Amino acid sequence: MSALLGKKIGMTQVFTDKGDCVPVTVVHVERCVPVLKRTAEKDGYNAVMLAYGDRKAKHTNKPLQGFYDKHKVEPAKILKEFRDQDIDDDAIGKPINVDVFSEGDVVQVVGVTKGRGFSGVFRRFNYAGAPASHGHHESYRGTGSIGMHTYPGRVFKGTGMPGRMGGKAVHLKNLKVMRVDVENNVLLLKGCVPGANGGLLRIFNRKG
């Protein structure tokens, strides 16, 4: 199995053997336990469900508590399925660490971007705005014209408008694993990943 859930800590830099400075994102992996295996024969698809973090029993509702009791694992903060992953039956219920990856591996990362709230077109779509020259007033940062003539008489799909910005799941591919710190259960991924510090990340290496 080549999948983990982790927490984004922040960014730093490391140096390669050639002396190149590489920006990296630090990802810390807390308790991460595979609790359920799905197969194509039984469920119609292959997947592994991971339980991440710790949750007090008094904060766990009865349906979830029944699920954890059935699979003989402690309650967790998060349950996530990873498609197209496989794991040995005897590894179910045993914590997995960052050593499922190796230095130089290429992985995919899914995270939720920072929520920016309701934003205008300057911030959301990088519009240049109207010229602030003589005779122009009151609409420097406006969206501008979105109207049409009689034909087609509508606003085209994809036209930039003010609206909610951020807070969306972003899937990044081909991120290189620069370091694997097994002692501290930390991964260093080349470049930046979506989300604020402390945000949850799904890290996996899908074969094929």
N, C-alpha and C. Protein backbone atom coordinates (compact mmCIF):
# COMPACT_ATOMS: atom_id res chain seq x y z
N MET A 1 0.84 -1.20 0.00
CA MET A 1 0.00 0.00 0.00
C MET A 1 0.87 1.24 0.00
N SER A 2 0.50 2.21 -0.84
CA SER A 2 1.27 3.45 -0.93
C SER A 2 0.32 4.64 -0.77
N ALA A 3 -0.20 4.82 0.44
CA ALA A 3 -1.13 5.92 0.72
C ALA A 3 -1.05 6.29 2.18
N LEU A 4 -1.23 7.60 2.46
CA LEU A 4 -1.17 8.10 3.82
C LEU A 4 -2.07 9.32 3.95
N LEU A 5 -2.48 9.59 5.18
CA LEU A 5 -3.07 10.87 5.53
C LEU A 5 -2.06 11.60 6.41
N GLY A 6 -1.90 12.90 6.19
CA GLY A 6 -0.93 13.65 6.96
C GLY A 6 -1.38 15.08 7.19
N LYS A 7 -0.65 15.78 8.04
CA LYS A 7 -0.95 17.17 8.38
C LYS A 7 0.15 18.08 7.86
N LYS A 8 -0.25 19.11 7.15
CA LYS A 8 0.72 20.08 6.64
C LYS A 8 1.25 20.93 7.81
N ILE A 9 2.57 20.95 7.96
CA ILE A 9 3.19 21.72 9.03
C ILE A 9 3.63 23.09 8.55
N GLY A 10 4.19 23.15 7.37
CA GLY A 10 4.69 24.41 6.82
C GLY A 10 5.71 24.12 5.74
N MET A 11 6.49 25.13 5.39
CA MET A 11 7.50 24.97 4.35
C MET A 11 8.89 25.31 4.88
N THR A 12 9.89 24.67 4.29
CA THR A 12 11.28 24.96 4.60
C THR A 12 12.09 24.68 3.34
N GLN A 13 13.38 24.49 3.50
CA GLN A 13 14.22 24.19 2.35
C GLN A 13 15.27 23.17 2.72
N VAL A 14 15.67 22.37 1.73
CA VAL A 14 16.74 21.40 1.92
C VAL A 14 17.73 21.57 0.79
N PHE A 15 18.92 21.01 0.98
CA PHE A 15 19.96 21.09 -0.03
C PHE A 15 20.26 19.69 -0.56
N THR A 16 20.37 19.60 -1.87
CA THR A 16 20.68 18.32 -2.51
C THR A 16 22.18 18.06 -2.42
N ASP A 17 22.58 16.87 -2.88
CA ASP A 17 24.00 16.52 -2.88
C ASP A 17 24.81 17.45 -3.78
N LYS A 18 24.15 18.03 -4.79
CA LYS A 18 24.84 18.94 -5.70
C LYS A 18 24.88 20.37 -5.17
N GLY A 19 24.24 20.60 -4.01
CA GLY A 19 24.25 21.93 -3.43
C GLY A 19 23.06 22.79 -3.83
N ASP A 20 22.11 22.23 -4.56
CA ASP A 20 20.93 23.00 -4.97
C ASP A 20 19.97 23.16 -3.79
N CYS A 21 19.41 24.35 -3.66
CA CYS A 21 18.42 24.62 -2.61
C CYS A 21 17.03 24.31 -3.14
N VAL A 22 16.31 23.44 -2.45
CA VAL A 22 14.99 22.99 -2.92
C VAL A 22 13.94 23.34 -1.87
N PRO A 23 12.88 24.10 -2.24
CA PRO A 23 11.79 24.36 -1.29
C PRO A 23 10.95 23.12 -1.10
N VAL A 24 10.61 22.82 0.15
CA VAL A 24 9.85 21.61 0.46
C VAL A 24 8.74 21.93 1.45
N THR A 25 7.70 21.10 1.40
CA THR A 25 6.61 21.17 2.37
C THR A 25 6.78 20.04 3.38
N VAL A 26 6.65 20.38 4.65
CA VAL A 26 6.81 19.41 5.73
C VAL A 26 5.43 18.84 6.07
N VAL A 27 5.31 17.51 6.01
CA VAL A 27 4.06 16.82 6.31
C VAL A 27 4.30 15.84 7.45
N HIS A 28 3.55 16.03 8.53
CA HIS A 28 3.67 15.13 9.69
C HIS A 28 2.51 14.14 9.68
N VAL A 29 2.82 12.87 9.87
CA VAL A 29 1.82 11.81 9.86
C VAL A 29 1.59 11.35 11.30
N GLU A 30 0.37 11.52 11.79
CA GLU A 30 0.02 11.05 13.12
C GLU A 30 -0.45 9.59 13.01
N ARG A 31 -1.23 9.13 13.98
CA ARG A 31 -1.72 7.75 13.94
C ARG A 31 -2.53 7.53 12.66
N CYS A 32 -2.12 6.55 11.86
CA CYS A 32 -2.78 6.27 10.59
C CYS A 32 -2.91 4.75 10.46
N VAL A 33 -4.16 4.27 10.55
CA VAL A 33 -4.41 2.82 10.66
C VAL A 33 -5.37 2.37 9.56
N PRO A 34 -5.02 1.38 8.78
CA PRO A 34 -5.98 0.79 7.83
C PRO A 34 -7.02 -0.04 8.59
N VAL A 35 -8.28 0.27 8.34
CA VAL A 35 -9.34 -0.41 9.11
C VAL A 35 -10.23 -1.29 8.24
N LEU A 36 -10.23 -1.07 6.94
CA LEU A 36 -11.16 -1.80 6.08
C LEU A 36 -10.58 -1.94 4.69
N LYS A 37 -10.77 -3.13 4.12
CA LYS A 37 -10.29 -3.42 2.78
C LYS A 37 -11.48 -3.77 1.89
N ARG A 38 -11.60 -3.09 0.78
CA ARG A 38 -12.68 -3.36 -0.17
C ARG A 38 -12.09 -4.04 -1.40
N THR A 39 -12.82 -5.01 -1.92
CA THR A 39 -12.34 -5.77 -3.08
C THR A 39 -13.37 -5.71 -4.20
N ALA A 40 -12.88 -5.94 -5.41
CA ALA A 40 -13.76 -5.91 -6.57
C ALA A 40 -14.81 -7.01 -6.51
N GLU A 41 -14.45 -8.16 -5.96
CA GLU A 41 -15.39 -9.28 -5.90
C GLU A 41 -16.56 -8.99 -4.96
N LYS A 42 -16.28 -8.34 -3.84
CA LYS A 42 -17.30 -8.12 -2.84
C LYS A 42 -17.99 -6.75 -2.97
N ASP A 43 -17.18 -5.72 -3.27
CA ASP A 43 -17.71 -4.34 -3.26
C ASP A 43 -17.76 -3.69 -4.64
N GLY A 44 -17.17 -4.33 -5.63
CA GLY A 44 -17.19 -3.76 -6.97
C GLY A 44 -16.00 -2.87 -7.29
N TYR A 45 -15.14 -2.62 -6.32
CA TYR A 45 -13.93 -1.82 -6.55
C TYR A 45 -12.91 -2.14 -5.46
N ASN A 46 -11.66 -1.79 -5.74
CA ASN A 46 -10.59 -2.02 -4.78
C ASN A 46 -10.28 -0.72 -4.04
N ALA A 47 -10.19 -0.81 -2.72
CA ALA A 47 -9.88 0.37 -1.92
C ALA A 47 -9.46 -0.06 -0.52
N VAL A 48 -8.79 0.87 0.15
CA VAL A 48 -8.42 0.68 1.56
C VAL A 48 -8.87 1.91 2.32
N MET A 49 -9.54 1.69 3.46
CA MET A 49 -9.99 2.81 4.30
C MET A 49 -9.00 3.02 5.44
N LEU A 50 -8.58 4.28 5.60
CA LEU A 50 -7.64 4.62 6.65
C LEU A 50 -8.33 5.44 7.73
N ALA A 51 -7.98 5.17 8.98
CA ALA A 51 -8.43 5.98 10.11
C ALA A 51 -7.26 6.82 10.58
N TYR A 52 -7.47 8.13 10.69
CA TYR A 52 -6.36 9.05 11.01
C TYR A 52 -6.65 9.82 12.29
N GLY A 53 -5.64 9.92 13.14
CA GLY A 53 -5.76 10.70 14.36
C GLY A 53 -6.49 9.95 15.46
N ASP A 54 -6.74 10.67 16.56
CA ASP A 54 -7.42 10.09 17.73
C ASP A 54 -8.65 10.92 18.08
N ARG A 55 -9.69 10.23 18.50
CA ARG A 55 -10.92 10.90 18.94
C ARG A 55 -11.39 10.22 20.23
N LYS A 56 -11.81 11.03 21.21
CA LYS A 56 -12.30 10.47 22.45
C LYS A 56 -13.61 9.72 22.22
N ALA A 57 -13.81 8.67 22.97
CA ALA A 57 -15.03 7.86 22.80
C ALA A 57 -16.28 8.69 23.07
N LYS A 58 -16.21 9.63 24.01
CA LYS A 58 -17.39 10.43 24.35
C LYS A 58 -17.75 11.42 23.23
N HIS A 59 -16.83 11.64 22.30
CA HIS A 59 -17.10 12.52 21.16
C HIS A 59 -17.45 11.74 19.89
N THR A 60 -17.59 10.43 20.03
CA THR A 60 -17.90 9.56 18.89
C THR A 60 -19.34 9.10 18.98
N ASN A 61 -20.12 9.33 17.92
CA ASN A 61 -21.52 8.90 17.97
C ASN A 61 -21.63 7.38 17.90
N LYS A 62 -22.80 6.86 18.23
CA LYS A 62 -22.96 5.41 18.37
C LYS A 62 -22.76 4.64 17.07
N PRO A 63 -23.27 5.13 15.92
CA PRO A 63 -23.00 4.38 14.68
C PRO A 63 -21.52 4.23 14.38
N LEU A 64 -20.76 5.34 14.56
CA LEU A 64 -19.33 5.26 14.31
C LEU A 64 -18.64 4.39 15.35
N GLN A 65 -19.08 4.49 16.59
CA GLN A 65 -18.49 3.66 17.63
C GLN A 65 -18.70 2.18 17.34
N GLY A 66 -19.89 1.85 16.81
CA GLY A 66 -20.15 0.48 16.41
C GLY A 66 -19.25 0.02 15.29
N PHE A 67 -18.96 0.93 14.35
CA PHE A 67 -18.05 0.60 13.25
C PHE A 67 -16.65 0.31 13.78
N TYR A 68 -16.16 1.17 14.68
CA TYR A 68 -14.82 0.97 15.24
C TYR A 68 -14.75 -0.30 16.08
N ASP A 69 -15.81 -0.56 16.85
CA ASP A 69 -15.83 -1.78 17.67
C ASP A 69 -15.82 -3.03 16.79
N LYS A 70 -16.55 -2.98 15.68
CA LYS A 70 -16.61 -4.12 14.78
C LYS A 70 -15.23 -4.45 14.21
N HIS A 71 -14.45 -3.39 13.89
CA HIS A 71 -13.14 -3.60 13.29
C HIS A 71 -12.00 -3.55 14.30
N LYS A 72 -12.38 -3.42 15.60
CA LYS A 72 -11.42 -3.52 16.70
C LYS A 72 -10.30 -2.50 16.59
N VAL A 73 -10.68 -1.24 16.36
CA VAL A 73 -9.72 -0.14 16.36
C VAL A 73 -10.28 1.00 17.20
N GLU A 74 -9.39 1.86 17.67
CA GLU A 74 -9.80 3.00 18.47
C GLU A 74 -10.42 4.07 17.57
N PRO A 75 -11.35 4.88 18.10
CA PRO A 75 -11.98 5.95 17.29
C PRO A 75 -10.94 6.91 16.74
N ALA A 76 -11.21 7.42 15.55
CA ALA A 76 -10.28 8.31 14.86
C ALA A 76 -10.98 9.60 14.46
N LYS A 77 -10.18 10.63 14.16
CA LYS A 77 -10.73 11.90 13.72
C LYS A 77 -11.33 11.80 12.31
N ILE A 78 -10.61 11.09 11.45
CA ILE A 78 -10.95 11.08 10.02
C ILE A 78 -10.98 9.65 9.51
N LEU A 79 -11.95 9.36 8.64
CA LEU A 79 -11.98 8.11 7.87
C LEU A 79 -11.95 8.46 6.39
N LYS A 80 -10.97 7.92 5.66
CA LYS A 80 -10.86 8.21 4.23
C LYS A 80 -10.55 6.93 3.47
N GLU A 81 -11.19 6.80 2.31
CA GLU A 81 -10.91 5.67 1.43
C GLU A 81 -9.92 6.07 0.34
N PHE A 82 -9.03 5.16 0.02
CA PHE A 82 -8.09 5.35 -1.07
C PHE A 82 -8.36 4.28 -2.12
N ARG A 83 -8.81 4.70 -3.28
CA ARG A 83 -9.12 3.76 -4.36
C ARG A 83 -7.84 3.17 -4.95
N ASP A 84 -8.03 2.01 -5.56
CA ASP A 84 -6.94 1.32 -6.27
C ASP A 84 -5.73 1.06 -5.38
N GLN A 85 -5.97 0.82 -4.10
CA GLN A 85 -4.91 0.44 -3.17
C GLN A 85 -5.20 -0.95 -2.63
N ASP A 86 -4.15 -1.64 -2.26
CA ASP A 86 -4.30 -3.00 -1.73
C ASP A 86 -3.40 -3.15 -0.50
N ILE A 87 -3.78 -4.04 0.39
CA ILE A 87 -3.02 -4.26 1.61
C ILE A 87 -3.24 -5.69 2.06
N ASP A 88 -2.25 -6.26 2.70
CA ASP A 88 -2.38 -7.62 3.22
C ASP A 88 -3.39 -7.64 4.36
N ASP A 89 -4.07 -8.77 4.48
CA ASP A 89 -5.10 -8.89 5.52
C ASP A 89 -4.52 -8.77 6.92
N ASP A 90 -3.31 -9.27 7.12
CA ASP A 90 -2.72 -9.22 8.45
C ASP A 90 -2.22 -7.83 8.84
N ALA A 91 -2.22 -6.89 7.88
CA ALA A 91 -1.79 -5.52 8.17
C ALA A 91 -2.96 -4.63 8.60
N ILE A 92 -4.17 -5.14 8.47
CA ILE A 92 -5.34 -4.37 8.89
C ILE A 92 -5.30 -4.16 10.40
N GLY A 93 -5.49 -2.91 10.82
CA GLY A 93 -5.48 -2.60 12.25
C GLY A 93 -4.13 -2.23 12.80
N LYS A 94 -3.07 -2.35 11.98
CA LYS A 94 -1.73 -2.00 12.42
C LYS A 94 -1.31 -0.66 11.83
N PRO A 95 -0.79 0.26 12.64
CA PRO A 95 -0.42 1.60 12.13
C PRO A 95 0.59 1.51 11.00
N ILE A 96 0.45 2.41 10.03
CA ILE A 96 1.42 2.52 8.95
C ILE A 96 2.14 3.87 9.09
N ASN A 97 3.38 3.90 8.63
CA ASN A 97 4.22 5.08 8.80
C ASN A 97 4.69 5.60 7.45
N VAL A 98 5.54 6.64 7.51
CA VAL A 98 6.01 7.27 6.28
C VAL A 98 6.92 6.36 5.47
N ASP A 99 7.35 5.24 6.05
CA ASP A 99 8.25 4.36 5.31
C ASP A 99 7.54 3.60 4.19
N VAL A 100 6.22 3.84 4.01
CA VAL A 100 5.57 3.27 2.82
C VAL A 100 6.06 3.99 1.55
N PHE A 101 6.68 5.17 1.74
CA PHE A 101 7.30 5.89 0.63
C PHE A 101 8.81 5.89 0.80
N SER A 102 9.49 6.13 -0.30
CA SER A 102 10.95 6.20 -0.29
C SER A 102 11.39 7.51 -0.93
N GLU A 103 12.59 7.93 -0.59
CA GLU A 103 13.13 9.16 -1.18
C GLU A 103 13.23 9.01 -2.69
N GLY A 104 12.69 9.99 -3.40
CA GLY A 104 12.68 9.94 -4.87
C GLY A 104 11.37 9.49 -5.46
N ASP A 105 10.45 8.98 -4.63
CA ASP A 105 9.14 8.57 -5.13
C ASP A 105 8.37 9.78 -5.66
N VAL A 106 7.50 9.54 -6.63
CA VAL A 106 6.62 10.58 -7.16
C VAL A 106 5.20 10.28 -6.68
N VAL A 107 4.59 11.24 -5.99
CA VAL A 107 3.30 11.01 -5.35
C VAL A 107 2.27 12.04 -5.82
N GLN A 108 1.02 11.76 -5.47
CA GLN A 108 -0.08 12.69 -5.71
C GLN A 108 -0.60 13.18 -4.36
N VAL A 109 -1.01 14.44 -4.31
CA VAL A 109 -1.46 15.05 -3.07
C VAL A 109 -2.80 15.75 -3.31
N VAL A 110 -3.75 15.51 -2.40
CA VAL A 110 -5.04 16.20 -2.45
C VAL A 110 -5.21 16.97 -1.14
N GLY A 111 -5.51 18.26 -1.27
CA GLY A 111 -5.74 19.10 -0.10
C GLY A 111 -6.80 20.14 -0.42
N VAL A 112 -7.28 20.81 0.61
CA VAL A 112 -8.29 21.86 0.45
C VAL A 112 -7.61 23.21 0.58
N THR A 113 -7.78 24.06 -0.44
CA THR A 113 -7.12 25.35 -0.46
C THR A 113 -7.64 26.27 0.63
N LYS A 114 -6.89 27.30 0.93
CA LYS A 114 -7.29 28.28 1.93
C LYS A 114 -8.57 28.98 1.47
N GLY A 115 -9.52 29.13 2.38
CA GLY A 115 -10.74 29.85 2.06
C GLY A 115 -10.51 31.35 2.10
N ARG A 116 -10.84 32.05 1.01
CA ARG A 116 -10.61 33.49 0.91
C ARG A 116 -11.89 34.30 1.07
N GLY A 117 -13.01 33.61 1.26
CA GLY A 117 -14.26 34.34 1.41
C GLY A 117 -14.75 34.91 0.08
N PHE A 118 -15.68 35.88 0.17
CA PHE A 118 -16.24 36.51 -1.03
C PHE A 118 -15.22 37.51 -1.56
N SER A 119 -14.77 37.30 -2.80
CA SER A 119 -13.71 38.13 -3.37
C SER A 119 -14.13 38.70 -4.71
N GLY A 120 -13.55 39.82 -5.05
CA GLY A 120 -13.84 40.47 -6.32
C GLY A 120 -12.98 39.90 -7.43
N VAL A 121 -13.19 40.43 -8.64
CA VAL A 121 -12.49 39.88 -9.81
C VAL A 121 -11.01 40.21 -9.80
N PHE A 122 -10.59 41.29 -9.13
CA PHE A 122 -9.16 41.60 -9.05
C PHE A 122 -8.42 40.46 -8.37
N ARG A 123 -8.94 40.05 -7.25
CA ARG A 123 -8.28 39.02 -6.47
C ARG A 123 -8.54 37.63 -7.03
N ARG A 124 -9.76 37.41 -7.50
CA ARG A 124 -10.17 36.07 -7.90
C ARG A 124 -9.64 35.67 -9.27
N PHE A 125 -9.61 36.62 -10.22
CA PHE A 125 -9.22 36.29 -11.60
C PHE A 125 -8.08 37.15 -12.14
N ASN A 126 -7.49 37.97 -11.27
CA ASN A 126 -6.33 38.77 -11.70
C ASN A 126 -6.69 39.81 -12.76
N TYR A 127 -7.90 40.35 -12.72
CA TYR A 127 -8.27 41.38 -13.68
C TYR A 127 -7.40 42.61 -13.48
N ALA A 128 -7.15 43.33 -14.58
CA ALA A 128 -6.32 44.53 -14.52
C ALA A 128 -7.11 45.75 -14.10
N GLY A 129 -8.41 45.75 -14.32
CA GLY A 129 -9.23 46.89 -13.94
C GLY A 129 -9.26 47.98 -15.00
N ALA A 130 -10.01 49.03 -14.72
CA ALA A 130 -10.17 50.13 -15.68
C ALA A 130 -9.03 51.13 -15.50
N PRO A 131 -8.69 51.86 -16.54
CA PRO A 131 -7.63 52.87 -16.41
C PRO A 131 -8.07 54.01 -15.50
N ALA A 132 -7.16 54.48 -14.67
CA ALA A 132 -7.46 55.56 -13.74
C ALA A 132 -7.10 56.92 -14.34
N SER A 133 -7.40 57.10 -15.62
CA SER A 133 -7.02 58.32 -16.32
C SER A 133 -8.10 59.40 -16.18
N HIS A 134 -7.85 60.53 -16.74
CA HIS A 134 -8.77 61.67 -16.66
C HIS A 134 -10.13 61.30 -17.27
N GLY A 135 -11.17 61.63 -16.54
CA GLY A 135 -12.50 61.39 -17.06
C GLY A 135 -13.08 60.05 -16.68
N HIS A 136 -12.32 59.22 -16.00
CA HIS A 136 -12.81 57.90 -15.61
C HIS A 136 -13.03 57.90 -14.11
N HIS A 137 -14.16 57.39 -13.66
CA HIS A 137 -14.43 57.45 -12.23
C HIS A 137 -15.39 56.36 -11.80
N GLU A 138 -15.28 55.98 -10.53
CA GLU A 138 -16.25 55.14 -9.83
C GLU A 138 -16.27 53.67 -10.26
N SER A 139 -15.41 53.25 -11.14
CA SER A 139 -15.45 51.84 -11.54
C SER A 139 -14.04 51.31 -11.83
N TYR A 140 -13.09 51.70 -10.99
CA TYR A 140 -11.71 51.29 -11.23
C TYR A 140 -11.52 49.78 -11.02
N ARG A 141 -12.22 49.23 -10.05
CA ARG A 141 -12.04 47.82 -9.72
C ARG A 141 -13.27 46.98 -10.09
N GLY A 142 -14.06 47.48 -10.96
CA GLY A 142 -15.29 46.78 -11.34
C GLY A 142 -15.04 45.62 -12.29
N THR A 143 -16.06 44.80 -12.44
CA THR A 143 -15.97 43.65 -13.34
C THR A 143 -15.92 44.07 -14.79
N GLY A 144 -16.60 45.15 -15.12
CA GLY A 144 -16.70 45.57 -16.52
C GLY A 144 -17.94 45.00 -17.17
N SER A 145 -18.06 45.24 -18.44
CA SER A 145 -19.25 44.81 -19.17
C SER A 145 -19.31 43.30 -19.29
N ILE A 146 -20.48 42.73 -19.03
CA ILE A 146 -20.68 41.29 -19.23
C ILE A 146 -21.84 41.04 -20.20
N GLY A 147 -22.43 42.13 -20.69
CA GLY A 147 -23.63 42.00 -21.52
C GLY A 147 -23.33 41.58 -22.94
N MET A 148 -24.40 41.28 -23.67
CA MET A 148 -24.29 40.85 -25.06
C MET A 148 -25.25 41.67 -25.92
N HIS A 149 -25.07 41.56 -27.22
CA HIS A 149 -26.05 42.14 -28.15
C HIS A 149 -27.29 41.26 -28.15
N THR A 150 -28.22 41.56 -29.04
CA THR A 150 -29.44 40.76 -29.13
C THR A 150 -29.11 39.29 -29.34
N TYR A 151 -28.07 39.05 -30.14
CA TYR A 151 -27.58 37.68 -30.29
C TYR A 151 -26.15 37.62 -29.81
N PRO A 152 -25.72 36.68 -28.93
CA PRO A 152 -26.51 35.58 -28.37
C PRO A 152 -27.38 35.99 -27.19
N GLY A 153 -27.27 37.21 -26.71
CA GLY A 153 -28.18 37.70 -25.68
C GLY A 153 -28.07 37.00 -24.34
N ARG A 154 -26.88 36.59 -23.98
CA ARG A 154 -26.68 35.91 -22.70
C ARG A 154 -25.24 36.14 -22.25
N VAL A 155 -24.97 35.78 -21.01
CA VAL A 155 -23.61 35.85 -20.47
C VAL A 155 -22.94 34.50 -20.67
N PHE A 156 -21.77 34.50 -21.27
CA PHE A 156 -21.08 33.25 -21.55
C PHE A 156 -20.66 32.55 -20.26
N LYS A 157 -20.71 31.23 -20.30
CA LYS A 157 -20.23 30.45 -19.17
C LYS A 157 -18.73 30.71 -18.98
N GLY A 158 -18.32 30.77 -17.71
CA GLY A 158 -16.91 30.99 -17.40
C GLY A 158 -16.53 32.45 -17.29
N THR A 159 -17.47 33.36 -17.48
CA THR A 159 -17.17 34.78 -17.33
C THR A 159 -16.79 35.07 -15.88
N GLY A 160 -15.69 35.79 -15.70
CA GLY A 160 -15.22 36.08 -14.35
C GLY A 160 -16.17 36.98 -13.60
N MET A 161 -16.56 36.56 -12.42
CA MET A 161 -17.48 37.33 -11.58
C MET A 161 -16.97 37.30 -10.14
N PRO A 162 -17.37 38.28 -9.33
CA PRO A 162 -17.08 38.17 -7.90
C PRO A 162 -17.78 36.94 -7.31
N GLY A 163 -17.20 36.38 -6.28
CA GLY A 163 -17.82 35.21 -5.66
C GLY A 163 -16.90 34.57 -4.63
N ARG A 164 -17.32 33.42 -4.16
CA ARG A 164 -16.56 32.71 -3.13
C ARG A 164 -15.26 32.18 -3.71
N MET A 165 -14.17 32.44 -3.02
CA MET A 165 -12.85 32.07 -3.51
C MET A 165 -12.18 31.12 -2.53
N GLY A 166 -11.55 30.07 -3.03
CA GLY A 166 -10.83 29.13 -2.20
C GLY A 166 -11.75 28.10 -1.56
N GLY A 167 -11.18 27.32 -0.65
CA GLY A 167 -11.97 26.30 0.03
C GLY A 167 -12.36 25.14 -0.86
N LYS A 168 -11.54 24.87 -1.90
CA LYS A 168 -11.85 23.78 -2.82
C LYS A 168 -10.76 22.72 -2.79
N ALA A 169 -11.15 21.49 -3.06
CA ALA A 169 -10.19 20.40 -3.12
C ALA A 169 -9.34 20.54 -4.38
N VAL A 170 -8.03 20.47 -4.21
CA VAL A 170 -7.09 20.58 -5.34
C VAL A 170 -6.23 19.32 -5.36
N HIS A 171 -6.09 18.75 -6.54
CA HIS A 171 -5.35 17.50 -6.74
C HIS A 171 -4.05 17.82 -7.48
N LEU A 172 -2.92 17.64 -6.82
CA LEU A 172 -1.62 17.85 -7.43
C LEU A 172 -0.95 16.52 -7.73
N LYS A 173 -0.32 16.44 -8.89
CA LYS A 173 0.35 15.21 -9.29
C LYS A 173 1.86 15.45 -9.45
N ASN A 174 2.59 14.36 -9.44
CA ASN A 174 4.02 14.37 -9.73
C ASN A 174 4.82 15.24 -8.76
N LEU A 175 4.53 15.10 -7.47
CA LEU A 175 5.34 15.76 -6.44
C LEU A 175 6.40 14.76 -5.96
N LYS A 176 7.62 15.21 -5.88
CA LYS A 176 8.72 14.32 -5.52
C LYS A 176 8.93 14.29 -4.01
N VAL A 177 9.16 13.10 -3.49
CA VAL A 177 9.50 12.95 -2.07
C VAL A 177 10.99 13.21 -1.91
N MET A 178 11.33 14.28 -1.18
CA MET A 178 12.74 14.66 -1.02
C MET A 178 13.39 13.96 0.18
N ARG A 179 12.63 13.82 1.28
CA ARG A 179 13.19 13.18 2.47
C ARG A 179 12.10 12.34 3.14
N VAL A 180 12.50 11.27 3.79
CA VAL A 180 11.61 10.44 4.58
C VAL A 180 12.23 10.30 5.97
N ASP A 181 11.64 10.97 6.95
CA ASP A 181 12.14 10.93 8.33
C ASP A 181 11.29 9.94 9.12
N VAL A 182 11.76 8.70 9.19
CA VAL A 182 11.00 7.64 9.85
C VAL A 182 10.92 7.88 11.35
N GLU A 183 11.99 8.41 11.93
CA GLU A 183 12.04 8.62 13.38
C GLU A 183 10.95 9.57 13.84
N ASN A 184 10.75 10.66 13.10
CA ASN A 184 9.74 11.66 13.47
C ASN A 184 8.44 11.51 12.69
N ASN A 185 8.39 10.50 11.81
CA ASN A 185 7.21 10.25 10.98
C ASN A 185 6.85 11.48 10.14
N VAL A 186 7.84 11.98 9.43
CA VAL A 186 7.69 13.22 8.65
C VAL A 186 8.12 12.97 7.22
N LEU A 187 7.35 13.55 6.28
CA LEU A 187 7.71 13.55 4.86
C LEU A 187 8.04 14.97 4.42
N LEU A 188 9.03 15.10 3.54
CA LEU A 188 9.34 16.38 2.91
C LEU A 188 9.04 16.24 1.42
N LEU A 189 8.06 17.01 0.95
CA LEU A 189 7.63 16.96 -0.45
C LEU A 189 8.13 18.19 -1.18
N LYS A 190 8.64 18.00 -2.36
CA LYS A 190 9.18 19.11 -3.15
C LYS A 190 8.06 20.07 -3.57
N GLY A 191 8.27 21.36 -3.35
CA GLY A 191 7.30 22.36 -3.76
C GLY A 191 6.22 22.58 -2.71
N CYS A 192 5.15 23.25 -3.14
CA CYS A 192 4.07 23.59 -2.22
C CYS A 192 2.86 22.70 -2.46
N VAL A 193 2.05 22.57 -1.45
CA VAL A 193 0.83 21.78 -1.54
C VAL A 193 -0.33 22.66 -1.08
N PRO A 194 -1.56 22.35 -1.50
CA PRO A 194 -2.70 23.21 -1.15
C PRO A 194 -3.05 23.14 0.32
N GLY A 195 -3.61 24.25 0.85
CA GLY A 195 -4.12 24.25 2.20
C GLY A 195 -3.28 25.08 3.16
N ALA A 196 -3.89 25.40 4.28
CA ALA A 196 -3.22 26.14 5.33
C ALA A 196 -2.40 25.19 6.19
N ASN A 197 -1.49 25.74 6.96
CA ASN A 197 -0.75 24.92 7.91
C ASN A 197 -1.72 24.28 8.89
N GLY A 198 -1.53 22.99 9.12
CA GLY A 198 -2.44 22.24 9.97
C GLY A 198 -3.54 21.54 9.21
N GLY A 199 -3.62 21.77 7.90
CA GLY A 199 -4.65 21.14 7.08
C GLY A 199 -4.34 19.69 6.78
N LEU A 200 -5.38 18.92 6.49
CA LEU A 200 -5.24 17.50 6.20
C LEU A 200 -4.90 17.29 4.73
N LEU A 201 -3.97 16.37 4.48
CA LEU A 201 -3.55 16.04 3.12
C LEU A 201 -3.70 14.55 2.87
N ARG A 202 -4.12 14.21 1.66
CA ARG A 202 -4.14 12.82 1.22
C ARG A 202 -2.96 12.63 0.29
N ILE A 203 -2.08 11.71 0.64
CA ILE A 203 -0.85 11.46 -0.13
C ILE A 203 -0.88 10.02 -0.59
N PHE A 204 -0.74 9.81 -1.89
CA PHE A 204 -0.79 8.43 -2.39
C PHE A 204 0.00 8.32 -3.68
N ASN A 205 0.33 7.11 -4.01
CA ASN A 205 1.03 6.79 -5.24
C ASN A 205 0.22 5.72 -5.95
N ARG A 206 -0.55 6.14 -6.93
CA ARG A 206 -1.45 5.22 -7.62
C ARG A 206 -0.69 4.56 -8.76
N LYS A 207 -0.70 3.27 -8.77
CA LYS A 207 0.01 2.53 -9.81
C LYS A 207 -0.85 2.47 -11.07
N GLY A 208 -0.15 2.44 -12.22
CA GLY A 208 -0.85 2.28 -13.49
C GLY A 208 -1.37 3.55 -14.07
